[in-house]
Full PDB file with SEQRES, HELIX, SHEET, SSBOND, CRYST1, ORIGX, SCALE, CONECT and MASTER records, all heavy atoms in Angstrom:
SEQRES   1 A   37  ALA LYS ARG THR VAL TYR LEU GLN MET ASN THR LEU LYS          
SEQRES   2 A   37  PRO GLU ASP THR ALA VAL TYR TYR CYS ALA ALA LEU LEU          
SEQRES   3 A   37  ARG ASN TRP GLY THR THR LEU GLU ALA ASP PHE                  
HELIX    1 AA1 PRO A   14  ASP A   16  5                                   3    
HELIX    2 AA2 GLU A   34  ASP A   36  5                                   3    
CRYST1    1.000    1.000    1.000  90.00  90.00  90.00 P 1           1          
ORIGX1      1.000000  0.000000  0.000000        0.00000                         
ORIGX2      0.000000  1.000000  0.000000        0.00000                         
ORIGX3      0.000000  0.000000  1.000000        0.00000                         
SCALE1      1.000000  0.000000  0.000000        0.00000                         
SCALE2      0.000000  1.000000  0.000000        0.00000                         
SCALE3      0.000000  0.000000  1.000000        0.00000                         
ATOM      1  N   ALA A   1     -18.311  13.698   7.477  1.00  0.00           N  
ATOM      2  CA  ALA A   1     -18.690  13.247   8.835  1.00  0.00           C  
ATOM      3  C   ALA A   1     -18.336  11.785   8.997  1.00  0.00           C  
ATOM      4  O   ALA A   1     -17.978  11.320  10.118  1.00  0.00           O  
ATOM      5  CB  ALA A   1     -20.127  13.476   9.036  1.00  0.00           C  
ATOM      6  N   LYS A   2     -18.368  11.011   7.950  1.00  0.00           N  
ATOM      7  CA  LYS A   2     -18.053   9.577   8.005  1.00  0.00           C  
ATOM      8  C   LYS A   2     -16.616   9.328   7.580  1.00  0.00           C  
ATOM      9  O   LYS A   2     -16.215   8.183   7.516  1.00  0.00           O  
ATOM     10  CB  LYS A   2     -19.051   8.829   7.099  1.00  0.00           C  
ATOM     11  CG  LYS A   2     -20.472   8.798   7.618  1.00  0.00           C  
ATOM     12  CD  LYS A   2     -21.338   7.964   6.679  1.00  0.00           C  
ATOM     13  CE  LYS A   2     -22.796   7.978   7.169  1.00  0.00           C  
ATOM     14  NZ  LYS A   2     -23.678   7.118   6.303  1.00  0.00           N  
ATOM     15  N   ARG A   3     -15.934  10.402   7.239  1.00  0.00           N  
ATOM     16  CA  ARG A   3     -14.536  10.264   6.743  1.00  0.00           C  
ATOM     17  C   ARG A   3     -14.385   9.278   5.613  1.00  0.00           C  
ATOM     18  O   ARG A   3     -13.572   8.390   5.602  1.00  0.00           O  
ATOM     19  CB  ARG A   3     -13.537   9.828   7.927  1.00  0.00           C  
ATOM     20  CG  ARG A   3     -13.522  10.882   9.037  1.00  0.00           C  
ATOM     21  CD  ARG A   3     -12.428  10.482  10.042  1.00  0.00           C  
ATOM     22  NE  ARG A   3     -12.669   9.144  10.557  1.00  0.00           N  
ATOM     23  CZ  ARG A   3     -13.500   8.868  11.490  1.00  0.00           C  
ATOM     24  NH1 ARG A   3     -14.278   9.789  12.011  1.00  0.00           N  
ATOM     25  NH2 ARG A   3     -13.623   7.568  11.936  1.00  0.00           N  
ATOM     26  N   THR A   4     -15.332   9.340   4.701  1.00  0.00           N  
ATOM     27  CA  THR A   4     -15.436   8.401   3.616  1.00  0.00           C  
ATOM     28  C   THR A   4     -15.649   9.074   2.284  1.00  0.00           C  
ATOM     29  O   THR A   4     -16.354  10.036   2.179  1.00  0.00           O  
ATOM     30  CB  THR A   4     -16.597   7.413   3.808  1.00  0.00           C  
ATOM     31  OG1 THR A   4     -16.456   6.777   5.076  1.00  0.00           O  
ATOM     32  CG2 THR A   4     -16.649   6.377   2.765  1.00  0.00           C  
ATOM     33  N   VAL A   5     -14.932   8.572   1.281  1.00  0.00           N  
ATOM     34  CA  VAL A   5     -15.075   9.027  -0.048  1.00  0.00           C  
ATOM     35  C   VAL A   5     -15.669   7.837  -0.917  1.00  0.00           C  
ATOM     36  O   VAL A   5     -15.212   6.680  -0.700  1.00  0.00           O  
ATOM     37  CB  VAL A   5     -13.750   9.501  -0.686  1.00  0.00           C  
ATOM     38  CG1 VAL A   5     -13.886   9.868  -2.167  1.00  0.00           C  
ATOM     39  CG2 VAL A   5     -13.180  10.603   0.129  1.00  0.00           C  
ATOM     40  N   TYR A   6     -16.505   8.157  -1.834  1.00  0.00           N  
ATOM     41  CA  TYR A   6     -17.167   7.083  -2.642  1.00  0.00           C  
ATOM     42  C   TYR A   6     -16.745   7.221  -4.137  1.00  0.00           C  
ATOM     43  O   TYR A   6     -16.533   8.330  -4.638  1.00  0.00           O  
ATOM     44  CB  TYR A   6     -18.604   7.153  -2.415  1.00  0.00           C  
ATOM     45  CG  TYR A   6     -19.148   7.043  -1.010  1.00  0.00           C  
ATOM     46  CD1 TYR A   6     -19.417   8.218  -0.313  1.00  0.00           C  
ATOM     47  CD2 TYR A   6     -19.196   5.868  -0.396  1.00  0.00           C  
ATOM     48  CE1 TYR A   6     -19.827   8.143   1.015  1.00  0.00           C  
ATOM     49  CE2 TYR A   6     -19.634   5.766   0.925  1.00  0.00           C  
ATOM     50  CZ  TYR A   6     -19.950   6.979   1.594  1.00  0.00           C  
ATOM     51  OH  TYR A   6     -20.366   6.810   2.944  1.00  0.00           O  
ATOM     52  N   LEU A   7     -16.931   6.042  -4.815  1.00  0.00           N  
ATOM     53  CA  LEU A   7     -16.800   6.134  -6.286  1.00  0.00           C  
ATOM     54  C   LEU A   7     -17.922   5.228  -6.853  1.00  0.00           C  
ATOM     55  O   LEU A   7     -17.845   4.034  -6.691  1.00  0.00           O  
ATOM     56  CB  LEU A   7     -15.455   5.700  -6.740  1.00  0.00           C  
ATOM     57  CG  LEU A   7     -15.194   5.754  -8.267  1.00  0.00           C  
ATOM     58  CD1 LEU A   7     -15.121   7.253  -8.688  1.00  0.00           C  
ATOM     59  CD2 LEU A   7     -13.946   4.980  -8.708  1.00  0.00           C  
ATOM     60  N   GLN A   8     -18.951   5.901  -7.347  1.00  0.00           N  
ATOM     61  CA  GLN A   8     -20.038   5.116  -7.969  1.00  0.00           C  
ATOM     62  C   GLN A   8     -19.695   4.831  -9.368  1.00  0.00           C  
ATOM     63  O   GLN A   8     -19.420   5.791 -10.169  1.00  0.00           O  
ATOM     64  CB  GLN A   8     -21.348   5.946  -7.845  1.00  0.00           C  
ATOM     65  CG  GLN A   8     -22.506   5.261  -8.587  1.00  0.00           C  
ATOM     66  CD  GLN A   8     -22.994   4.069  -7.890  1.00  0.00           C  
ATOM     67  OE1 GLN A   8     -23.121   4.047  -6.616  1.00  0.00           O  
ATOM     68  NE2 GLN A   8     -23.274   2.953  -8.611  1.00  0.00           N  
ATOM     69  N   MET A   9     -19.606   3.592  -9.781  1.00  0.00           N  
ATOM     70  CA  MET A   9     -19.282   3.182 -11.097  1.00  0.00           C  
ATOM     71  C   MET A   9     -20.416   2.559 -11.805  1.00  0.00           C  
ATOM     72  O   MET A   9     -20.906   1.519 -11.312  1.00  0.00           O  
ATOM     73  CB  MET A   9     -18.037   2.261 -11.006  1.00  0.00           C  
ATOM     74  CG  MET A   9     -16.894   2.844 -10.288  1.00  0.00           C  
ATOM     75  SD  MET A   9     -15.387   1.800 -10.369  1.00  0.00           S  
ATOM     76  CE  MET A   9     -15.998   0.306  -9.553  1.00  0.00           C  
ATOM     77  N   ASN A  10     -20.853   3.144 -12.855  1.00  0.00           N  
ATOM     78  CA  ASN A  10     -22.032   2.583 -13.632  1.00  0.00           C  
ATOM     79  C   ASN A  10     -21.496   2.209 -15.101  1.00  0.00           C  
ATOM     80  O   ASN A  10     -20.479   2.639 -15.468  1.00  0.00           O  
ATOM     81  CB  ASN A  10     -23.112   3.610 -13.794  1.00  0.00           C  
ATOM     82  CG  ASN A  10     -23.674   4.006 -12.373  1.00  0.00           C  
ATOM     83  OD1 ASN A  10     -23.713   3.226 -11.491  1.00  0.00           O  
ATOM     84  ND2 ASN A  10     -24.092   5.317 -12.281  1.00  0.00           N  
ATOM     85  N   THR A  11     -22.303   1.378 -15.718  1.00  0.00           N  
ATOM     86  CA  THR A  11     -22.052   0.971 -17.050  1.00  0.00           C  
ATOM     87  C   THR A  11     -20.583   0.447 -17.172  1.00  0.00           C  
ATOM     88  O   THR A  11     -19.827   0.900 -17.969  1.00  0.00           O  
ATOM     89  CB  THR A  11     -22.274   2.115 -18.063  1.00  0.00           C  
ATOM     90  OG1 THR A  11     -23.425   2.829 -17.711  1.00  0.00           O  
ATOM     91  CG2 THR A  11     -22.444   1.551 -19.434  1.00  0.00           C  
ATOM     92  N   LEU A  12     -20.286  -0.447 -16.238  1.00  0.00           N  
ATOM     93  CA  LEU A  12     -18.917  -0.960 -16.215  1.00  0.00           C  
ATOM     94  C   LEU A  12     -18.589  -1.818 -17.419  1.00  0.00           C  
ATOM     95  O   LEU A  12     -19.437  -2.435 -18.063  1.00  0.00           O  
ATOM     96  CB  LEU A  12     -18.710  -1.815 -14.927  1.00  0.00           C  
ATOM     97  CG  LEU A  12     -18.604  -0.980 -13.651  1.00  0.00           C  
ATOM     98  CD1 LEU A  12     -18.849  -1.818 -12.456  1.00  0.00           C  
ATOM     99  CD2 LEU A  12     -17.176  -0.358 -13.572  1.00  0.00           C  
ATOM    100  N   LYS A  13     -17.284  -1.682 -17.829  1.00  0.00           N  
ATOM    101  CA  LYS A  13     -16.735  -2.370 -19.005  1.00  0.00           C  
ATOM    102  C   LYS A  13     -15.622  -3.323 -18.495  1.00  0.00           C  
ATOM    103  O   LYS A  13     -14.981  -3.074 -17.496  1.00  0.00           O  
ATOM    104  CB  LYS A  13     -16.216  -1.323 -19.953  1.00  0.00           C  
ATOM    105  CG  LYS A  13     -17.177  -0.275 -20.383  1.00  0.00           C  
ATOM    106  CD  LYS A  13     -16.526   0.747 -21.269  1.00  0.00           C  
ATOM    107  CE  LYS A  13     -17.456   1.870 -21.642  1.00  0.00           C  
ATOM    108  NZ  LYS A  13     -16.816   2.919 -22.501  1.00  0.00           N  
ATOM    109  N   PRO A  14     -15.370  -4.315 -19.342  1.00  0.00           N  
ATOM    110  CA  PRO A  14     -14.251  -5.222 -18.946  1.00  0.00           C  
ATOM    111  C   PRO A  14     -12.921  -4.463 -18.785  1.00  0.00           C  
ATOM    112  O   PRO A  14     -12.100  -4.875 -17.948  1.00  0.00           O  
ATOM    113  CB  PRO A  14     -14.177  -6.163 -20.174  1.00  0.00           C  
ATOM    114  CG  PRO A  14     -15.573  -6.245 -20.621  1.00  0.00           C  
ATOM    115  CD  PRO A  14     -16.106  -4.858 -20.426  1.00  0.00           C  
ATOM    116  N   GLU A  15     -12.695  -3.434 -19.508  1.00  0.00           N  
ATOM    117  CA  GLU A  15     -11.507  -2.637 -19.369  1.00  0.00           C  
ATOM    118  C   GLU A  15     -11.433  -1.822 -18.119  1.00  0.00           C  
ATOM    119  O   GLU A  15     -10.399  -1.201 -17.759  1.00  0.00           O  
ATOM    120  CB  GLU A  15     -11.292  -1.724 -20.593  1.00  0.00           C  
ATOM    121  CG  GLU A  15     -12.466  -0.817 -20.907  1.00  0.00           C  
ATOM    122  CD  GLU A  15     -13.380  -1.445 -22.026  1.00  0.00           C  
ATOM    123  OE1 GLU A  15     -13.601  -2.674 -21.913  1.00  0.00           O  
ATOM    124  OE2 GLU A  15     -13.749  -0.693 -22.940  1.00  0.00           O  
ATOM    125  N   ASP A  16     -12.491  -1.826 -17.294  1.00  0.00           N  
ATOM    126  CA  ASP A  16     -12.448  -1.183 -15.995  1.00  0.00           C  
ATOM    127  C   ASP A  16     -11.883  -2.134 -14.923  1.00  0.00           C  
ATOM    128  O   ASP A  16     -11.709  -1.740 -13.727  1.00  0.00           O  
ATOM    129  CB  ASP A  16     -13.909  -0.777 -15.491  1.00  0.00           C  
ATOM    130  CG  ASP A  16     -14.437   0.367 -16.457  1.00  0.00           C  
ATOM    131  OD1 ASP A  16     -13.680   1.217 -16.735  1.00  0.00           O  
ATOM    132  OD2 ASP A  16     -15.587   0.278 -16.682  1.00  0.00           O  
ATOM    133  N   THR A  17     -11.640  -3.390 -15.319  1.00  0.00           N  
ATOM    134  CA  THR A  17     -11.091  -4.308 -14.415  1.00  0.00           C  
ATOM    135  C   THR A  17      -9.722  -3.867 -13.879  1.00  0.00           C  
ATOM    136  O   THR A  17      -8.826  -3.609 -14.665  1.00  0.00           O  
ATOM    137  CB  THR A  17     -10.912  -5.741 -15.064  1.00  0.00           C  
ATOM    138  OG1 THR A  17     -12.192  -6.248 -15.406  1.00  0.00           O  
ATOM    139  CG2 THR A  17     -10.225  -6.711 -14.169  1.00  0.00           C  
ATOM    140  N   ALA A  18      -9.580  -3.811 -12.600  1.00  0.00           N  
ATOM    141  CA  ALA A  18      -8.286  -3.268 -11.989  1.00  0.00           C  
ATOM    142  C   ALA A  18      -8.509  -3.314 -10.498  1.00  0.00           C  
ATOM    143  O   ALA A  18      -9.543  -3.623  -9.954  1.00  0.00           O  
ATOM    144  CB  ALA A  18      -8.099  -1.814 -12.434  1.00  0.00           C  
ATOM    145  N   VAL A  19      -7.357  -3.057  -9.805  1.00  0.00           N  
ATOM    146  CA  VAL A  19      -7.396  -2.764  -8.384  1.00  0.00           C  
ATOM    147  C   VAL A  19      -7.531  -1.289  -8.288  1.00  0.00           C  
ATOM    148  O   VAL A  19      -6.793  -0.524  -8.804  1.00  0.00           O  
ATOM    149  CB  VAL A  19      -6.112  -3.254  -7.737  1.00  0.00           C  
ATOM    150  CG1 VAL A  19      -6.138  -2.915  -6.226  1.00  0.00           C  
ATOM    151  CG2 VAL A  19      -5.922  -4.794  -7.856  1.00  0.00           C  
ATOM    152  N   TYR A  20      -8.497  -0.888  -7.437  1.00  0.00           N  
ATOM    153  CA  TYR A  20      -8.805   0.504  -7.284  1.00  0.00           C  
ATOM    154  C   TYR A  20      -8.262   1.037  -5.914  1.00  0.00           C  
ATOM    155  O   TYR A  20      -8.472   0.369  -4.848  1.00  0.00           O  
ATOM    156  CB  TYR A  20     -10.297   0.773  -7.348  1.00  0.00           C  
ATOM    157  CG  TYR A  20     -10.831   0.740  -8.751  1.00  0.00           C  
ATOM    158  CD1 TYR A  20     -10.830  -0.457  -9.462  1.00  0.00           C  
ATOM    159  CD2 TYR A  20     -11.246   1.930  -9.423  1.00  0.00           C  
ATOM    160  CE1 TYR A  20     -11.317  -0.448 -10.822  1.00  0.00           C  
ATOM    161  CE2 TYR A  20     -11.662   1.883 -10.768  1.00  0.00           C  
ATOM    162  CZ  TYR A  20     -11.758   0.691 -11.409  1.00  0.00           C  
ATOM    163  OH  TYR A  20     -12.179   0.619 -12.720  1.00  0.00           O  
ATOM    164  N   TYR A  21      -7.622   2.160  -5.987  1.00  0.00           N  
ATOM    165  CA  TYR A  21      -6.974   2.753  -4.754  1.00  0.00           C  
ATOM    166  C   TYR A  21      -7.470   4.126  -4.506  1.00  0.00           C  
ATOM    167  O   TYR A  21      -7.793   4.910  -5.481  1.00  0.00           O  
ATOM    168  CB  TYR A  21      -5.484   2.865  -4.901  1.00  0.00           C  
ATOM    169  CG  TYR A  21      -4.795   1.517  -5.181  1.00  0.00           C  
ATOM    170  CD1 TYR A  21      -4.577   1.015  -6.460  1.00  0.00           C  
ATOM    171  CD2 TYR A  21      -4.235   0.759  -4.097  1.00  0.00           C  
ATOM    172  CE1 TYR A  21      -3.939  -0.184  -6.669  1.00  0.00           C  
ATOM    173  CE2 TYR A  21      -3.525  -0.372  -4.283  1.00  0.00           C  
ATOM    174  CZ  TYR A  21      -3.391  -0.903  -5.602  1.00  0.00           C  
ATOM    175  OH  TYR A  21      -2.779  -2.054  -5.791  1.00  0.00           O  
ATOM    176  N   CYS A  22      -7.551   4.512  -3.252  1.00  0.00           N  
ATOM    177  CA  CYS A  22      -7.807   5.902  -2.943  1.00  0.00           C  
ATOM    178  C   CYS A  22      -6.569   6.521  -2.276  1.00  0.00           C  
ATOM    179  O   CYS A  22      -5.746   5.851  -1.775  1.00  0.00           O  
ATOM    180  CB  CYS A  22      -9.049   6.062  -2.008  1.00  0.00           C  
ATOM    181  SG  CYS A  22      -8.884   5.192  -0.457  1.00  0.00           S  
ATOM    182  N   ALA A  23      -6.488   7.814  -2.361  1.00  0.00           N  
ATOM    183  CA  ALA A  23      -5.377   8.555  -1.791  1.00  0.00           C  
ATOM    184  C   ALA A  23      -5.731  10.000  -1.576  1.00  0.00           C  
ATOM    185  O   ALA A  23      -6.755  10.515  -2.129  1.00  0.00           O  
ATOM    186  CB  ALA A  23      -4.162   8.467  -2.826  1.00  0.00           C  
ATOM    187  N   ALA A  24      -4.915  10.644  -0.729  1.00  0.00           N  
ATOM    188  CA  ALA A  24      -5.175  12.070  -0.494  1.00  0.00           C  
ATOM    189  C   ALA A  24      -4.389  12.868  -1.438  1.00  0.00           C  
ATOM    190  O   ALA A  24      -3.182  12.606  -1.740  1.00  0.00           O  
ATOM    191  CB  ALA A  24      -4.745  12.358   0.950  1.00  0.00           C  
ATOM    192  N   LEU A  25      -4.954  13.926  -1.949  1.00  0.00           N  
ATOM    193  CA  LEU A  25      -4.249  14.895  -2.880  1.00  0.00           C  
ATOM    194  C   LEU A  25      -3.392  15.818  -2.015  1.00  0.00           C  
ATOM    195  O   LEU A  25      -3.869  16.492  -1.151  1.00  0.00           O  
ATOM    196  CB  LEU A  25      -5.257  15.718  -3.676  1.00  0.00           C  
ATOM    197  CG  LEU A  25      -4.679  16.802  -4.553  1.00  0.00           C  
ATOM    198  CD1 LEU A  25      -3.774  16.126  -5.660  1.00  0.00           C  
ATOM    199  CD2 LEU A  25      -5.767  17.578  -5.248  1.00  0.00           C  
ATOM    200  N   LEU A  26      -2.118  15.767  -2.308  1.00  0.00           N  
ATOM    201  CA  LEU A  26      -1.120  16.546  -1.562  1.00  0.00           C  
ATOM    202  C   LEU A  26      -0.881  17.963  -2.136  1.00  0.00           C  
ATOM    203  O   LEU A  26      -0.616  18.918  -1.372  1.00  0.00           O  
ATOM    204  CB  LEU A  26       0.182  15.893  -1.529  1.00  0.00           C  
ATOM    205  CG  LEU A  26       0.202  14.416  -0.915  1.00  0.00           C  
ATOM    206  CD1 LEU A  26       1.573  13.800  -1.014  1.00  0.00           C  
ATOM    207  CD2 LEU A  26      -0.345  14.424   0.500  1.00  0.00           C  
ATOM    208  N   ARG A  27      -1.072  18.200  -3.474  1.00  0.00           N  
ATOM    209  CA  ARG A  27      -0.793  19.403  -4.116  1.00  0.00           C  
ATOM    210  C   ARG A  27      -1.355  19.369  -5.491  1.00  0.00           C  
ATOM    211  O   ARG A  27      -1.641  18.370  -6.048  1.00  0.00           O  
ATOM    212  CB  ARG A  27       0.736  19.637  -4.151  1.00  0.00           C  
ATOM    213  CG  ARG A  27       1.465  18.400  -4.809  1.00  0.00           C  
ATOM    214  CD  ARG A  27       2.967  18.547  -4.762  1.00  0.00           C  
ATOM    215  NE  ARG A  27       3.650  17.266  -5.103  1.00  0.00           N  
ATOM    216  CZ  ARG A  27       3.944  16.354  -4.269  1.00  0.00           C  
ATOM    217  NH1 ARG A  27       3.762  16.561  -2.932  1.00  0.00           N  
ATOM    218  NH2 ARG A  27       4.511  15.227  -4.694  1.00  0.00           N  
ATOM    219  N   ASN A  28      -1.488  20.615  -6.054  1.00  0.00           N  
ATOM    220  CA  ASN A  28      -1.827  20.798  -7.452  1.00  0.00           C  
ATOM    221  C   ASN A  28      -3.217  20.238  -7.813  1.00  0.00           C  
ATOM    222  O   ASN A  28      -3.359  19.237  -8.542  1.00  0.00           O  
ATOM    223  CB  ASN A  28      -0.756  20.117  -8.366  1.00  0.00           C  
ATOM    224  CG  ASN A  28       0.667  20.630  -8.154  1.00  0.00           C  
ATOM    225  OD1 ASN A  28       0.781  21.800  -7.820  1.00  0.00           O  
ATOM    226  ND2 ASN A  28       1.655  19.849  -8.416  1.00  0.00           N  
ATOM    227  N   TRP A  29      -4.231  20.968  -7.349  1.00  0.00           N  
ATOM    228  CA  TRP A  29      -5.590  20.538  -7.765  1.00  0.00           C  
ATOM    229  C   TRP A  29      -5.689  20.503  -9.281  1.00  0.00           C  
ATOM    230  O   TRP A  29      -5.225  21.451  -9.985  1.00  0.00           O  
ATOM    231  CB  TRP A  29      -6.541  21.626  -7.185  1.00  0.00           C  
ATOM    232  CG  TRP A  29      -8.056  21.401  -7.673  1.00  0.00           C  
ATOM    233  CD1 TRP A  29      -8.666  22.162  -8.564  1.00  0.00           C  
ATOM    234  CD2 TRP A  29      -8.877  20.357  -7.318  1.00  0.00           C  
ATOM    235  NE1 TRP A  29      -9.927  21.697  -8.744  1.00  0.00           N  
ATOM    236  CE2 TRP A  29     -10.065  20.525  -8.004  1.00  0.00           C  
ATOM    237  CE3 TRP A  29      -8.717  19.213  -6.439  1.00  0.00           C  
ATOM    238  CZ2 TRP A  29     -11.182  19.658  -7.891  1.00  0.00           C  
ATOM    239  CZ3 TRP A  29      -9.808  18.343  -6.343  1.00  0.00           C  
ATOM    240  CH2 TRP A  29     -10.987  18.611  -7.020  1.00  0.00           C  
ATOM    241  N   GLY A  30      -6.273  19.469  -9.770  1.00  0.00           N  
ATOM    242  CA  GLY A  30      -6.352  19.197 -11.208  1.00  0.00           C  
ATOM    243  C   GLY A  30      -5.291  18.230 -11.751  1.00  0.00           C  
ATOM    244  O   GLY A  30      -5.426  17.837 -12.876  1.00  0.00           O  
ATOM    245  N   THR A  31      -4.368  17.909 -10.872  1.00  0.00           N  
ATOM    246  CA  THR A  31      -3.337  16.954 -11.290  1.00  0.00           C  
ATOM    247  C   THR A  31      -3.925  15.562 -11.396  1.00  0.00           C  
ATOM    248  O   THR A  31      -4.932  15.183 -10.794  1.00  0.00           O  
ATOM    249  CB  THR A  31      -2.211  16.913 -10.283  1.00  0.00           C  
ATOM    250  OG1 THR A  31      -1.145  16.114 -10.755  1.00  0.00           O  
ATOM    251  CG2 THR A  31      -2.678  16.430  -8.932  1.00  0.00           C  
ATOM    252  N   THR A  32      -3.266  14.782 -12.280  1.00  0.00           N  
ATOM    253  CA  THR A  32      -3.578  13.415 -12.438  1.00  0.00           C  
ATOM    254  C   THR A  32      -2.374  12.506 -12.119  1.00  0.00           C  
ATOM    255  O   THR A  32      -2.369  11.324 -12.346  1.00  0.00           O  
ATOM    256  CB  THR A  32      -4.129  13.038 -13.877  1.00  0.00           C  
ATOM    257  OG1 THR A  32      -3.036  13.328 -14.789  1.00  0.00           O  
ATOM    258  CG2 THR A  32      -5.311  13.807 -14.218  1.00  0.00           C  
ATOM    259  N   LEU A  33      -1.296  13.158 -11.654  1.00  0.00           N  
ATOM    260  CA  LEU A  33      -0.051  12.474 -11.414  1.00  0.00           C  
ATOM    261  C   LEU A  33      -0.116  11.727 -10.046  1.00  0.00           C  
ATOM    262  O   LEU A  33      -0.416  12.304  -8.999  1.00  0.00           O  
ATOM    263  CB  LEU A  33       1.097  13.443 -11.386  1.00  0.00           C  
ATOM    264  CG  LEU A  33       1.386  14.249 -12.645  1.00  0.00           C  
ATOM    265  CD1 LEU A  33       2.555  15.179 -12.473  1.00  0.00           C  
ATOM    266  CD2 LEU A  33       1.671  13.240 -13.764  1.00  0.00           C  
ATOM    267  N   GLU A  34       0.313  10.482 -10.109  1.00  0.00           N  
ATOM    268  CA  GLU A  34       0.362   9.719  -8.905  1.00  0.00           C  
ATOM    269  C   GLU A  34       1.225  10.339  -7.766  1.00  0.00           C  
ATOM    270  O   GLU A  34       0.925  10.233  -6.607  1.00  0.00           O  
ATOM    271  CB  GLU A  34       0.937   8.275  -9.237  1.00  0.00           C  
ATOM    272  CG  GLU A  34       0.918   7.267  -8.123  1.00  0.00           C  
ATOM    273  CD  GLU A  34       1.448   5.920  -8.599  1.00  0.00           C  
ATOM    274  OE1 GLU A  34       1.489   5.724  -9.819  1.00  0.00           O  
ATOM    275  OE2 GLU A  34       1.712   5.111  -7.725  1.00  0.00           O  
ATOM    276  N   ALA A  35       2.316  10.936  -8.161  1.00  0.00           N  
ATOM    277  CA  ALA A  35       3.253  11.544  -7.317  1.00  0.00           C  
ATOM    278  C   ALA A  35       2.691  12.687  -6.447  1.00  0.00           C  
ATOM    279  O   ALA A  35       3.191  13.113  -5.432  1.00  0.00           O  
ATOM    280  CB  ALA A  35       4.574  12.053  -7.965  1.00  0.00           C  
ATOM    281  N   ASP A  36       1.579  13.273  -6.905  1.00  0.00           N  
ATOM    282  CA  ASP A  36       0.965  14.348  -6.198  1.00  0.00           C  
ATOM    283  C   ASP A  36      -0.083  13.861  -5.186  1.00  0.00           C  
ATOM    284  O   ASP A  36      -0.735  14.710  -4.506  1.00  0.00           O  
ATOM    285  CB  ASP A  36       0.255  15.292  -7.204  1.00  0.00           C  
ATOM    286  CG  ASP A  36       1.205  16.136  -8.049  1.00  0.00           C  
ATOM    287  OD1 ASP A  36       2.348  16.385  -7.513  1.00  0.00           O  
ATOM    288  OD2 ASP A  36       0.845  16.431  -9.166  1.00  0.00           O  
ATOM    289  N   PHE A  37      -0.207  12.596  -5.038  1.00  0.00           N  
ATOM    290  CA  PHE A  37      -1.104  11.999  -4.049  1.00  0.00           C  
ATOM    291  C   PHE A  37      -0.323  11.261  -3.039  1.00  0.00           C  
ATOM    292  O   PHE A  37       0.842  10.836  -3.272  1.00  0.00           O  
ATOM    293  CB  PHE A  37      -2.119  11.052  -4.807  1.00  0.00           C  
ATOM    294  CG  PHE A  37      -3.131  11.759  -5.605  1.00  0.00           C  
ATOM    295  CD1 PHE A  37      -2.829  12.213  -6.885  1.00  0.00           C  
ATOM    296  CD2 PHE A  37      -4.384  12.036  -5.166  1.00  0.00           C  
ATOM    297  CE1 PHE A  37      -3.742  12.863  -7.729  1.00  0.00           C  
ATOM    298  CE2 PHE A  37      -5.350  12.684  -5.927  1.00  0.00           C  
ATOM    299  CZ  PHE A  37      -4.973  13.095  -7.204  1.00  0.00           C  
TER     300      PHE A  37                                                      
MASTER        0    0    0    2    0    0    0    6  299    1    0    3          
END                                                                             
């Protein structure tokens, strides 16, 4: 209803440091490939 997706991140570690992006999945549920988003 709010057209919003969330990512709750707990117990953060220094290796979680990054720029975080969201995207729409275009195909292949279960994929982790960037090209499928």
